[in-house]
Amino acid sequence: MKGKSEEAAQAVQAPSVITQEMAENAEAVGLSKLVKEHLRDFSSVLGNVLATGDADAVHDLRVVTRRLQQVLSALAPSPGPKRVRRLRRTLRRVRRALGAWRNYDVILEAVTKRRKATRSPHKRAAWTLVREHLEKRRLDEMIRARRRLLDKDLSAFADRLETVITDLLQQAQPRDVERSVLARVEAAWRDWQAALSRAEQNCAVTTVHGLRIATKRLRYRVELARALGDEAAEPVLEWARDVQHELGDWHDHQVLQQLMAEALARPEVLLGAAEVVRVALAELERERRSAPATDSAIVRRTRPEDGRVLMERWPGWQTLSS
């Protein structure tokens, strides 16, 4: 028979064991639910992109490929099984196939707003010239991107993706997944600080763009930690979203300027619409002054010190880094 002291000790320990098991079960259910949502979004949005070419759908498909990549990487850290590497590679290729298409959507929206905002018929004509060129380029890119997506047989890919993730979920331990997610956050944070250092030393377009990409990686890894139930990650996630927005606006201005220059440099335009080109060049110069390619202020607007403080206050990440 058990002594009273042993029974008492078990009675004390039981609730903590049960609580831990309940927490792990909740994490497993939360991860499974999250994966199902992402897979459903992927199939739904992919169909919308192929059927309608909707701009929001193009954006959403790029986002969900990032989220699914993060899930795969958390469930099977690098290098991971070959089948997982192939899936990650396909997700990346889908996103890249849509990159130029997405750029044209964003810049066309900006050009349309500028055209509507001016009362000058000369400026309106200048923005119309740019818009018509971008619409043609967007159509070409949309046809090219759709062809690439159809070549990949993505309906079968979605089924393979679901099968592999389901297998990985059955094998995964929630605590191991949590540690994997936080380890990837830590790696992304180191990469972000290195990208920031390069941008501070040389705020050229390439280095600031590198900081923007590093911000995206950090944001989506923190987002996964938050989606798995780590509420303390929310302040870091909000900061990363804000930084991504700042750098995204800067990037859109740079792309706008490059596409404007491309539209105006065509021989038939220079020879046949010289007056409109003159007005458009003045608009381009105004865009360049408002968002110069080399601007140290854009790096300061990332508020790096705020990011460091928020990371230090995040208990989950501190547990891993201590």
C-alpha atoms as a PDB file:
ATOM      1  CA  MET A   1       0.000   0.000   0.000  1.00  0.00           C
ATOM      2  CA  LYS A   2       1.102   3.542  -0.679  1.00  0.00           C
ATOM      3  CA  GLY A   3       1.987   5.756   2.221  1.00  0.00           C
ATOM      4  CA  LYS A   4       0.022   8.913   2.847  1.00  0.00           C
ATOM      5  CA  SER A   5       3.046  11.089   2.009  1.00  0.00           C
ATOM      6  CA  GLU A   6       3.470   9.403  -1.401  1.00  0.00           C
ATOM      7  CA  GLU A   7      -0.239   9.804  -2.189  1.00  0.00           C
ATOM      8  CA  ALA A   8      -0.068  13.440  -1.175  1.00  0.00           C
ATOM      9  CA  ALA A   9       2.946  14.039  -3.408  1.00  0.00           C
ATOM     10  CA  GLN A  10       1.157  12.473  -6.369  1.00  0.00           C
ATOM     11  CA  ALA A  11      -1.926  14.558  -5.661  1.00  0.00           C
ATOM     12  CA  VAL A  12       0.196  17.690  -5.764  1.00  0.00           C
ATOM     13  CA  GLN A  13       2.016  16.713  -8.971  1.00  0.00           C
ATOM     14  CA  ALA A  14      -1.028  15.512 -10.902  1.00  0.00           C
ATOM     15  CA  PRO A  15      -2.562  18.927 -11.715  1.00  0.00           C
ATOM     16  CA  SER A  16       0.711  20.265 -13.176  1.00  0.00           C
ATOM     17  CA  VAL A  17       1.121  17.159 -15.330  1.00  0.00           C
ATOM     18  CA  ILE A  18      -2.468  17.415 -16.542  1.00  0.00           C
ATOM     19  CA  THR A  19      -2.062  21.127 -17.235  1.00  0.00           C
ATOM     20  CA  GLN A  20       1.065  20.507 -19.297  1.00  0.00           C
ATOM     21  CA  GLU A  21      -0.646  17.749 -21.286  1.00  0.00           C
ATOM     22  CA  MET A  22      -3.652  19.994 -21.884  1.00  0.00           C
ATOM     23  CA  ALA A  23      -1.386  22.809 -23.061  1.00  0.00           C
ATOM     24  CA  GLU A  24       0.451  20.494 -25.459  1.00  0.00           C
ATOM     25  CA  ASN A  25      -2.837  19.118 -26.796  1.00  0.00           C
ATOM     26  CA  ALA A  26      -4.097  22.673 -27.300  1.00  0.00           C
ATOM     27  CA  GLU A  27      -0.922  23.571 -29.195  1.00  0.00           C
ATOM     28  CA  ALA A  28      -1.269  20.499 -31.414  1.00  0.00           C
ATOM     29  CA  VAL A  29      -4.907  21.313 -32.171  1.00  0.00           C
ATOM     30  CA  GLY A  30      -4.007  24.955 -32.835  1.00  0.00           C
ATOM     31  CA  LEU A  31      -1.243  24.006 -35.250  1.00  0.00           C
ATOM     32  CA  SER A  32      -3.480  21.530 -37.076  1.00  0.00           C
ATOM     33  CA  LYS A  33      -6.221  24.155 -37.394  1.00  0.00           C
ATOM     34  CA  LEU A  34      -3.731  26.742 -38.652  1.00  0.00           C
ATOM     35  CA  VAL A  35      -2.386  24.371 -41.305  1.00  0.00           C
ATOM     36  CA  LYS A  36      -5.885  23.519 -42.525  1.00  0.00           C
ATOM     37  CA  GLU A  37      -6.682  27.231 -42.870  1.00  0.00           C
ATOM     38  CA  HIS A  38      -3.512  27.846 -44.884  1.00  0.00           C
ATOM     39  CA  LEU A  39      -4.139  24.851 -47.168  1.00  0.00           C
ATOM     40  CA  ARG A  40      -7.741  25.934 -47.737  1.00  0.00           C
ATOM     41  CA  ASP A  41      -6.590  29.484 -48.509  1.00  0.00           C
ATOM     42  CA  PHE A  42      -3.946  28.214 -50.927  1.00  0.00           C
ATOM     43  CA  SER A  43      -6.403  26.194 -53.006  1.00  0.00           C
ATOM     44  CA  SER A  44      -9.085  28.900 -52.944  1.00  0.00           C
ATOM     45  CA  VAL A  45      -6.815  31.815 -53.790  1.00  0.00           C
ATOM     46  CA  LEU A  46      -4.935  29.853 -56.466  1.00  0.00           C
ATOM     47  CA  GLY A  47      -8.221  29.199 -58.244  1.00  0.00           C
ATOM     48  CA  ASN A  48      -9.094  32.889 -58.040  1.00  0.00           C
ATOM     49  CA  VAL A  49      -5.726  33.937 -59.476  1.00  0.00           C
ATOM     50  CA  LEU A  50      -6.051  31.568 -62.422  1.00  0.00           C
ATOM     51  CA  ALA A  51      -9.720  32.378 -63.069  1.00  0.00           C
ATOM     52  CA  THR A  52      -9.901  36.144 -62.530  1.00  0.00           C
ATOM     53  CA  GLY A  53      -6.408  37.581 -62.088  1.00  0.00           C
ATOM     54  CA  ASP A  54      -7.725  39.600 -59.147  1.00  0.00           C
ATOM     55  CA  ALA A  55      -5.009  41.828 -57.644  1.00  0.00           C
ATOM     56  CA  ASP A  56      -5.917  40.964 -54.047  1.00  0.00           C
ATOM     57  CA  ALA A  57      -5.840  37.254 -54.891  1.00  0.00           C
ATOM     58  CA  VAL A  58      -2.337  37.594 -56.343  1.00  0.00           C
ATOM     59  CA  HIS A  59      -1.198  39.260 -53.125  1.00  0.00           C
ATOM     60  CA  ASP A  60      -2.964  36.685 -50.936  1.00  0.00           C
ATOM     61  CA  LEU A  61      -1.434  33.753 -52.827  1.00  0.00           C
ATOM     62  CA  ARG A  62       2.051  35.164 -52.300  1.00  0.00           C
ATOM     63  CA  VAL A  63       1.316  35.610 -48.586  1.00  0.00           C
ATOM     64  CA  VAL A  64      -0.054  32.105 -48.054  1.00  0.00           C
ATOM     65  CA  THR A  65       2.983  30.552 -49.787  1.00  0.00           C
ATOM     66  CA  ARG A  66       5.187  32.332 -47.233  1.00  0.00           C
ATOM     67  CA  ARG A  67       3.056  31.051 -44.368  1.00  0.00           C
ATOM     68  CA  LEU A  68       3.083  27.475 -45.637  1.00  0.00           C
ATOM     69  CA  GLN A  69       6.862  27.667 -46.076  1.00  0.00           C
ATOM     70  CA  GLN A  70       7.214  28.703 -42.442  1.00  0.00           C
ATOM     71  CA  VAL A  71       5.030  25.788 -41.318  1.00  0.00           C
ATOM     72  CA  LEU A  72       7.058  23.290 -43.347  1.00  0.00           C
ATOM     73  CA  SER A  73      10.319  24.684 -42.008  1.00  0.00           C
ATOM     74  CA  ALA A  74       9.050  24.523 -38.420  1.00  0.00           C
ATOM     75  CA  LEU A  75       7.838  20.928 -38.768  1.00  0.00           C
ATOM     76  CA  ALA A  76      10.960  19.776 -40.629  1.00  0.00           C
ATOM     77  CA  PRO A  77      13.916  22.100 -39.932  1.00  0.00           C
ATOM     78  CA  SER A  78      16.639  22.344 -42.585  1.00  0.00           C
ATOM     79  CA  PRO A  79      17.814  20.465 -44.413  1.00  0.00           C
ATOM     80  CA  GLY A  80      14.719  18.290 -43.880  1.00  0.00           C
ATOM     81  CA  PRO A  81      13.525  15.363 -45.993  1.00  0.00           C
ATOM     82  CA  LYS A  82      13.837  15.646 -49.757  1.00  0.00           C
ATOM     83  CA  ARG A  83      10.049  15.720 -50.228  1.00  0.00           C
ATOM     84  CA  VAL A  84       9.819  18.721 -47.874  1.00  0.00           C
ATOM     85  CA  ARG A  85      12.609  20.543 -49.698  1.00  0.00           C
ATOM     86  CA  ARG A  86      10.782  20.021 -52.990  1.00  0.00           C
ATOM     87  CA  LEU A  87       7.565  21.441 -51.549  1.00  0.00           C
ATOM     88  CA  ARG A  88       9.348  24.466 -50.136  1.00  0.00           C
ATOM     89  CA  ARG A  89      11.050  25.037 -53.475  1.00  0.00           C
ATOM     90  CA  THR A  90       7.724  24.926 -55.333  1.00  0.00           C
ATOM     91  CA  LEU A  91       6.113  27.380 -52.918  1.00  0.00           C
ATOM     92  CA  ARG A  92       9.023  29.753 -53.482  1.00  0.00           C
ATOM     93  CA  ARG A  93       8.728  29.407 -57.260  1.00  0.00           C
ATOM     94  CA  VAL A  94       4.992  30.109 -57.160  1.00  0.00           C
ATOM     95  CA  ARG A  95       5.630  33.292 -55.214  1.00  0.00           C
ATOM     96  CA  ARG A  96       8.402  34.425 -57.533  1.00  0.00           C
ATOM     97  CA  ALA A  97       6.289  33.687 -60.612  1.00  0.00           C
ATOM     98  CA  LEU A  98       3.798  36.245 -59.281  1.00  0.00           C
ATOM     99  CA  GLY A  99       6.366  38.858 -58.218  1.00  0.00           C
ATOM    100  CA  ALA A 100       6.387  41.061 -61.323  1.00  0.00           C
ATOM    101  CA  TRP A 101       2.620  40.704 -61.736  1.00  0.00           C
ATOM    102  CA  ARG A 102       2.164  41.938 -58.158  1.00  0.00           C
ATOM    103  CA  ASN A 103       4.497  44.883 -58.792  1.00  0.00           C
ATOM    104  CA  TYR A 104       2.429  45.984 -61.795  1.00  0.00           C
ATOM    105  CA  ASP A 105      -0.788  45.742 -59.761  1.00  0.00           C
ATOM    106  CA  VAL A 106       0.634  47.925 -56.992  1.00  0.00           C
ATOM    107  CA  ILE A 107       2.161  50.512 -59.322  1.00  0.00           C
ATOM    108  CA  LEU A 108      -0.928  50.706 -61.524  1.00  0.00           C
ATOM    109  CA  GLU A 109      -2.988  51.504 -58.440  1.00  0.00           C
ATOM    110  CA  ALA A 110      -0.525  54.269 -57.499  1.00  0.00           C
ATOM    111  CA  VAL A 111      -0.518  55.702 -61.033  1.00  0.00           C
ATOM    112  CA  THR A 112      -4.328  55.683 -61.158  1.00  0.00           C
ATOM    113  CA  LYS A 113      -4.496  57.595 -57.867  1.00  0.00           C
ATOM    114  CA  ARG A 114      -2.045  60.213 -59.113  1.00  0.00           C
ATOM    115  CA  ARG A 115      -3.976  60.638 -62.346  1.00  0.00           C
ATOM    116  CA  LYS A 116      -7.256  61.152 -60.474  1.00  0.00           C
ATOM    117  CA  ALA A 117      -5.654  63.564 -58.005  1.00  0.00           C
ATOM    118  CA  THR A 118      -4.523  66.112 -60.600  1.00  0.00           C
ATOM    119  CA  ARG A 119      -6.747  68.677 -62.307  1.00  0.00           C
ATOM    120  CA  SER A 120      -4.142  69.511 -64.921  1.00  0.00           C
ATOM    121  CA  PRO A 121      -5.040  67.981 -68.305  1.00  0.00           C
ATOM    122  CA  HIS A 122      -1.329  67.891 -69.206  1.00  0.00           C
ATOM    123  CA  LYS A 123      -0.432  65.919 -66.089  1.00  0.00           C
ATOM    124  CA  ARG A 124      -3.424  63.673 -66.597  1.00  0.00           C
ATOM    125  CA  ALA A 125      -2.212  62.939 -70.111  1.00  0.00           C
ATOM    126  CA  ALA A 126       1.263  62.181 -68.762  1.00  0.00           C
ATOM    127  CA  TRP A 127      -0.073  59.716 -66.195  1.00  0.00           C
ATOM    128  CA  THR A 128      -2.356  58.164 -68.835  1.00  0.00           C
ATOM    129  CA  LEU A 129       0.669  57.518 -71.027  1.00  0.00           C
ATOM    130  CA  VAL A 130       2.432  55.757 -68.157  1.00  0.00           C
ATOM    131  CA  ARG A 131      -0.679  53.826 -67.173  1.00  0.00           C
ATOM    132  CA  GLU A 132      -1.316  52.487 -70.685  1.00  0.00           C
ATOM    133  CA  HIS A 133       2.252  51.186 -70.901  1.00  0.00           C
ATOM    134  CA  LEU A 134       1.942  49.499 -67.493  1.00  0.00           C
ATOM    135  CA  GLU A 135      -1.385  47.901 -68.417  1.00  0.00           C
ATOM    136  CA  LYS A 136       0.221  46.276 -71.455  1.00  0.00           C
ATOM    137  CA  ARG A 137       3.179  45.067 -69.428  1.00  0.00           C
ATOM    138  CA  ARG A 138       0.879  43.745 -66.701  1.00  0.00           C
ATOM    139  CA  LEU A 139      -1.127  41.755 -69.253  1.00  0.00           C
ATOM    140  CA  ASP A 140       2.071  40.222 -70.668  1.00  0.00           C
ATOM    141  CA  GLU A 141       3.292  39.324 -67.192  1.00  0.00           C
ATOM    142  CA  MET A 142      -0.100  37.919 -66.169  1.00  0.00           C
ATOM    143  CA  ILE A 143      -0.135  35.593 -69.199  1.00  0.00           C
ATOM    144  CA  ARG A 144       3.449  34.520 -68.490  1.00  0.00           C
ATOM    145  CA  ALA A 145       2.785  33.893 -64.778  1.00  0.00           C
ATOM    146  CA  ARG A 146      -0.414  31.930 -65.401  1.00  0.00           C
ATOM    147  CA  ARG A 147       1.423  29.732 -67.884  1.00  0.00           C
ATOM    148  CA  ARG A 148       4.104  28.997 -65.284  1.00  0.00           C
ATOM    149  CA  LEU A 149       1.498  28.166 -62.648  1.00  0.00           C
ATOM    150  CA  LEU A 150      -0.423  25.864 -64.965  1.00  0.00           C
ATOM    151  CA  ASP A 151       2.804  24.090 -65.964  1.00  0.00           C
ATOM    152  CA  LYS A 152       3.415  23.186 -62.329  1.00  0.00           C
ATOM    153  CA  ASP A 153       0.124  21.209 -61.955  1.00  0.00           C
ATOM    154  CA  LEU A 154      -0.606  22.947 -58.667  1.00  0.00           C
ATOM    155  CA  SER A 155      -3.832  21.065 -57.981  1.00  0.00           C
ATOM    156  CA  ALA A 156      -1.793  17.869 -57.509  1.00  0.00           C
ATOM    157  CA  PHE A 157       0.802  19.902 -55.622  1.00  0.00           C
ATOM    158  CA  ALA A 158      -1.823  21.063 -53.114  1.00  0.00           C
ATOM    159  CA  ASP A 159      -2.757  17.432 -52.435  1.00  0.00           C
ATOM    160  CA  ARG A 160       0.899  16.454 -51.941  1.00  0.00           C
ATOM    161  CA  LEU A 161       1.412  19.422 -49.662  1.00  0.00           C
ATOM    162  CA  GLU A 162      -1.543  18.403 -47.498  1.00  0.00           C
ATOM    163  CA  THR A 163      -0.372  14.787 -47.318  1.00  0.00           C
ATOM    164  CA  VAL A 164       3.170  15.707 -46.286  1.00  0.00           C
ATOM    165  CA  ILE A 165       2.087  18.271 -43.695  1.00  0.00           C
ATOM    166  CA  THR A 166      -0.435  15.806 -42.233  1.00  0.00           C
ATOM    167  CA  ASP A 167       2.334  13.201 -41.886  1.00  0.00           C
ATOM    168  CA  LEU A 168       4.657  15.737 -40.287  1.00  0.00           C
ATOM    169  CA  LEU A 169       1.949  16.828 -37.845  1.00  0.00           C
ATOM    170  CA  GLN A 170       1.388  13.243 -36.735  1.00  0.00           C
ATOM    171  CA  GLN A 171       5.105  12.829 -36.052  1.00  0.00           C
ATOM    172  CA  ALA A 172       5.692  16.217 -34.423  1.00  0.00           C
ATOM    173  CA  GLN A 173       5.787  16.977 -30.730  1.00  0.00           C
ATOM    174  CA  PRO A 174       4.243  20.395 -29.980  1.00  0.00           C
ATOM    175  CA  ARG A 175       7.136  21.441 -27.743  1.00  0.00           C
ATOM    176  CA  ASP A 176       9.647  20.534 -30.470  1.00  0.00           C
ATOM    177  CA  VAL A 177       7.698  22.604 -32.984  1.00  0.00           C
ATOM    178  CA  GLU A 178       7.624  25.539 -30.588  1.00  0.00           C
ATOM    179  CA  ARG A 179      11.398  25.356 -30.089  1.00  0.00           C
ATOM    180  CA  SER A 180      11.910  25.096 -33.841  1.00  0.00           C
ATOM    181  CA  VAL A 181       9.770  28.185 -34.473  1.00  0.00           C
ATOM    182  CA  LEU A 182      11.610  30.217 -31.840  1.00  0.00           C
ATOM    183  CA  ALA A 183      15.006  29.058 -33.143  1.00  0.00           C
ATOM    184  CA  ARG A 184      14.015  30.266 -36.601  1.00  0.00           C
ATOM    185  CA  VAL A 185      12.906  33.590 -35.122  1.00  0.00           C
ATOM    186  CA  GLU A 186      16.288  33.932 -33.446  1.00  0.00           C
ATOM    187  CA  ALA A 187      18.090  33.237 -36.751  1.00  0.00           C
ATOM    188  CA  ALA A 188      15.861  35.740 -38.575  1.00  0.00           C
ATOM    189  CA  TRP A 189      16.532  38.364 -35.905  1.00  0.00           C
ATOM    190  CA  ARG A 190      20.297  37.929 -36.324  1.00  0.00           C
ATOM    191  CA  ASP A 191      19.905  38.213 -40.106  1.00  0.00           C
ATOM    192  CA  TRP A 192      17.777  41.336 -39.684  1.00  0.00           C
ATOM    193  CA  GLN A 193      20.395  43.048 -37.511  1.00  0.00           C
ATOM    194  CA  ALA A 194      23.099  42.191 -40.060  1.00  0.00           C
ATOM    195  CA  ALA A 195      20.953  43.606 -42.884  1.00  0.00           C
ATOM    196  CA  LEU A 196      20.310  46.734 -40.806  1.00  0.00           C
ATOM    197  CA  SER A 197      24.048  47.210 -40.265  1.00  0.00           C
ATOM    198  CA  ARG A 198      24.695  46.983 -44.008  1.00  0.00           C
ATOM    199  CA  ALA A 199      21.902  49.474 -44.766  1.00  0.00           C
ATOM    200  CA  GLU A 200      23.206  51.910 -42.135  1.00  0.00           C
ATOM    201  CA  GLN A 201      26.673  51.817 -43.675  1.00  0.00           C
ATOM    202  CA  ASN A 202      25.399  52.139 -47.243  1.00  0.00           C
ATOM    203  CA  CYS A 203      21.756  53.049 -47.859  1.00  0.00           C
ATOM    204  CA  ALA A 204      21.803  52.086 -51.539  1.00  0.00           C
ATOM    205  CA  VAL A 205      18.755  50.499 -53.165  1.00  0.00           C
ATOM    206  CA  THR A 206      20.198  46.967 -52.960  1.00  0.00           C
ATOM    207  CA  THR A 207      21.050  47.131 -49.253  1.00  0.00           C
ATOM    208  CA  VAL A 208      17.720  48.686 -48.229  1.00  0.00           C
ATOM    209  CA  HIS A 209      15.942  46.064 -50.334  1.00  0.00           C
ATOM    210  CA  GLY A 210      17.947  43.424 -48.464  1.00  0.00           C
ATOM    211  CA  LEU A 211      16.686  44.876 -45.188  1.00  0.00           C
ATOM    212  CA  ARG A 212      13.138  44.715 -46.530  1.00  0.00           C
ATOM    213  CA  ILE A 213      13.505  41.008 -47.371  1.00  0.00           C
ATOM    214  CA  ALA A 214      15.022  40.310 -43.937  1.00  0.00           C
ATOM    215  CA  THR A 215      12.052  42.099 -42.344  1.00  0.00           C
ATOM    216  CA  LYS A 216       9.610  39.884 -44.221  1.00  0.00           C
ATOM    217  CA  ARG A 217      11.354  36.732 -43.043  1.00  0.00           C
ATOM    218  CA  LEU A 218      11.343  37.934 -39.449  1.00  0.00           C
ATOM    219  CA  ARG A 219       7.707  39.034 -39.618  1.00  0.00           C
ATOM    220  CA  TYR A 220       6.414  35.704 -40.934  1.00  0.00           C
ATOM    221  CA  ARG A 221       8.399  33.674 -38.427  1.00  0.00           C
ATOM    222  CA  VAL A 222       7.133  35.789 -35.519  1.00  0.00           C
ATOM    223  CA  GLU A 223       3.643  35.536 -37.010  1.00  0.00           C
ATOM    224  CA  LEU A 224       3.829  31.733 -36.820  1.00  0.00           C
ATOM    225  CA  ALA A 225       4.872  31.905 -33.163  1.00  0.00           C
ATOM    226  CA  ARG A 226       1.896  34.183 -32.494  1.00  0.00           C
ATOM    227  CA  ALA A 227      -0.475  31.926 -34.450  1.00  0.00           C
ATOM    228  CA  LEU A 228       0.616  28.974 -32.294  1.00  0.00           C
ATOM    229  CA  GLY A 229      -0.632  30.798 -29.197  1.00  0.00           C
ATOM    230  CA  ASP A 230       2.310  32.921 -28.004  1.00  0.00           C
ATOM    231  CA  GLU A 231       0.424  36.137 -27.215  1.00  0.00           C
ATOM    232  CA  ALA A 232       3.615  37.793 -25.937  1.00  0.00           C
ATOM    233  CA  ALA A 233       4.863  37.823 -29.542  1.00  0.00           C
ATOM    234  CA  GLU A 234       2.191  40.341 -30.575  1.00  0.00           C
ATOM    235  CA  PRO A 235       4.215  43.554 -29.861  1.00  0.00           C
ATOM    236  CA  VAL A 236       7.155  42.233 -31.897  1.00  0.00           C
ATOM    237  CA  LEU A 237       4.770  41.258 -34.691  1.00  0.00           C
ATOM    238  CA  GLU A 238       3.190  44.734 -34.752  1.00  0.00           C
ATOM    239  CA  TRP A 239       6.622  46.360 -34.947  1.00  0.00           C
ATOM    240  CA  ALA A 240       7.700  44.025 -37.778  1.00  0.00           C
ATOM    241  CA  ARG A 241       4.498  44.781 -39.703  1.00  0.00           C
ATOM    242  CA  ASP A 242       5.108  48.522 -39.329  1.00  0.00           C
ATOM    243  CA  VAL A 243       8.700  48.192 -40.539  1.00  0.00           C
ATOM    244  CA  GLN A 244       7.602  46.052 -43.485  1.00  0.00           C
ATOM    245  CA  HIS A 245       5.014  48.712 -44.373  1.00  0.00           C
ATOM    246  CA  GLU A 246       7.609  51.512 -44.261  1.00  0.00           C
ATOM    247  CA  LEU A 247      10.091  49.616 -46.406  1.00  0.00           C
ATOM    248  CA  GLY A 248       7.314  48.421 -48.705  1.00  0.00           C
ATOM    249  CA  ASP A 249       6.238  52.003 -49.413  1.00  0.00           C
ATOM    250  CA  TRP A 250       9.841  52.936 -50.162  1.00  0.00           C
ATOM    251  CA  HIS A 251      10.177  49.925 -52.481  1.00  0.00           C
ATOM    252  CA  ASP A 252       6.960  50.804 -54.331  1.00  0.00           C
ATOM    253  CA  HIS A 253       8.259  54.334 -54.945  1.00  0.00           C
ATOM    254  CA  GLN A 254      11.491  52.965 -56.397  1.00  0.00           C
ATOM    255  CA  VAL A 255       9.619  50.561 -58.682  1.00  0.00           C
ATOM    256  CA  LEU A 256       7.275  53.363 -59.768  1.00  0.00           C
ATOM    257  CA  GLN A 257      10.218  55.556 -60.758  1.00  0.00           C
ATOM    258  CA  GLN A 258      11.886  52.757 -62.717  1.00  0.00           C
ATOM    259  CA  LEU A 259       8.703  51.839 -64.574  1.00  0.00           C
ATOM    260  CA  MET A 260       7.980  55.490 -65.357  1.00  0.00           C
ATOM    261  CA  ALA A 261      11.460  55.854 -66.841  1.00  0.00           C
ATOM    262  CA  GLU A 262      10.922  52.690 -68.864  1.00  0.00           C
ATOM    263  CA  ALA A 263       7.572  53.958 -70.195  1.00  0.00           C
ATOM    264  CA  LEU A 264       9.013  57.335 -71.203  1.00  0.00           C
ATOM    265  CA  ALA A 265      12.224  56.024 -72.799  1.00  0.00           C
ATOM    266  CA  ARG A 266      10.474  54.263 -75.692  1.00  0.00           C
ATOM    267  CA  PRO A 267      11.484  55.794 -79.061  1.00  0.00           C
ATOM    268  CA  GLU A 268       7.907  55.985 -80.357  1.00  0.00           C
ATOM    269  CA  VAL A 269       6.881  57.945 -77.265  1.00  0.00           C
ATOM    270  CA  LEU A 270       9.818  60.340 -77.383  1.00  0.00           C
ATOM    271  CA  LEU A 271       9.243  60.999 -81.076  1.00  0.00           C
ATOM    272  CA  GLY A 272       5.450  61.109 -81.058  1.00  0.00           C
ATOM    273  CA  ALA A 273       4.486  62.689 -77.731  1.00  0.00           C
ATOM    274  CA  ALA A 274       7.359  64.998 -76.807  1.00  0.00           C
ATOM    275  CA  GLU A 275       5.217  67.505 -74.880  1.00  0.00           C
ATOM    276  CA  VAL A 276       3.521  64.803 -72.820  1.00  0.00           C
ATOM    277  CA  VAL A 277       6.925  63.279 -72.106  1.00  0.00           C
ATOM    278  CA  ARG A 278       8.216  66.657 -70.905  1.00  0.00           C
ATOM    279  CA  VAL A 279       5.383  66.888 -68.363  1.00  0.00           C
ATOM    280  CA  ALA A 280       5.846  63.247 -67.367  1.00  0.00           C
ATOM    281  CA  LEU A 281       9.573  63.791 -66.766  1.00  0.00           C
ATOM    282  CA  ALA A 282       8.714  66.654 -64.422  1.00  0.00           C
ATOM    283  CA  GLU A 283       6.382  64.293 -62.542  1.00  0.00           C
ATOM    284  CA  LEU A 284       9.141  61.696 -62.410  1.00  0.00           C
ATOM    285  CA  GLU A 285      11.538  64.242 -60.942  1.00  0.00           C
ATOM    286  CA  ARG A 286       8.987  65.107 -58.289  1.00  0.00           C
ATOM    287  CA  GLU A 287       8.653  61.413 -57.424  1.00  0.00           C
ATOM    288  CA  ARG A 288      12.437  61.126 -57.137  1.00  0.00           C
ATOM    289  CA  ARG A 289      12.620  64.078 -54.757  1.00  0.00           C
ATOM    290  CA  SER A 290       9.841  62.708 -52.560  1.00  0.00           C
ATOM    291  CA  ALA A 291      11.441  59.246 -52.304  1.00  0.00           C
ATOM    292  CA  PRO A 292      15.147  59.330 -53.218  1.00  0.00           C
ATOM    293  CA  ALA A 293      16.805  56.011 -53.922  1.00  0.00           C
ATOM    294  CA  THR A 294      19.537  56.658 -51.343  1.00  0.00           C
ATOM    295  CA  ASP A 295      17.861  58.010 -48.231  1.00  0.00           C
ATOM    296  CA  SER A 296      19.256  57.308 -44.767  1.00  0.00           C
ATOM    297  CA  ALA A 297      15.927  58.392 -43.259  1.00  0.00           C
ATOM    298  CA  ILE A 298      14.245  55.214 -44.472  1.00  0.00           C
ATOM    299  CA  VAL A 299      16.657  53.144 -42.375  1.00  0.00           C
ATOM    300  CA  ARG A 300      15.932  55.242 -39.279  1.00  0.00           C
ATOM    301  CA  ARG A 301      12.197  54.771 -39.801  1.00  0.00           C
ATOM    302  CA  THR A 302      12.619  51.058 -39.109  1.00  0.00           C
ATOM    303  CA  ARG A 303      13.003  52.027 -35.418  1.00  0.00           C
ATOM    304  CA  PRO A 304      15.673  49.390 -34.715  1.00  0.00           C
ATOM    305  CA  GLU A 305      15.952  50.288 -31.033  1.00  0.00           C
ATOM    306  CA  ASP A 306      12.233  49.641 -30.567  1.00  0.00           C
ATOM    307  CA  GLY A 307      12.719  46.253 -32.177  1.00  0.00           C
ATOM    308  CA  ARG A 308      15.571  45.368 -29.841  1.00  0.00           C
ATOM    309  CA  VAL A 309      13.588  46.360 -26.757  1.00  0.00           C
ATOM    310  CA  LEU A 310      10.540  44.379 -27.848  1.00  0.00           C
ATOM    311  CA  MET A 311      12.623  41.286 -28.604  1.00  0.00           C
ATOM    312  CA  GLU A 312      14.248  41.514 -25.181  1.00  0.00           C
ATOM    313  CA  ARG A 313      10.818  41.717 -23.550  1.00  0.00           C
ATOM    314  CA  TRP A 314       9.475  38.663 -25.369  1.00  0.00           C
ATOM    315  CA  PRO A 315       9.607  35.854 -22.754  1.00  0.00           C
ATOM    316  CA  GLY A 316       9.454  32.948 -25.214  1.00  0.00           C
ATOM    317  CA  TRP A 317      12.362  34.188 -27.276  1.00  0.00           C
ATOM    318  CA  GLN A 318      14.373  35.077 -24.171  1.00  0.00           C
ATOM    319  CA  THR A 319      13.895  31.537 -22.841  1.00  0.00           C
ATOM    320  CA  LEU A 320      15.509  30.211 -26.016  1.00  0.00           C
ATOM    321  CA  SER A 321      18.350  32.743 -26.141  1.00  0.00           C
ATOM    322  CA  SER A 322      19.303  32.512 -22.461  1.00  0.00           C
END
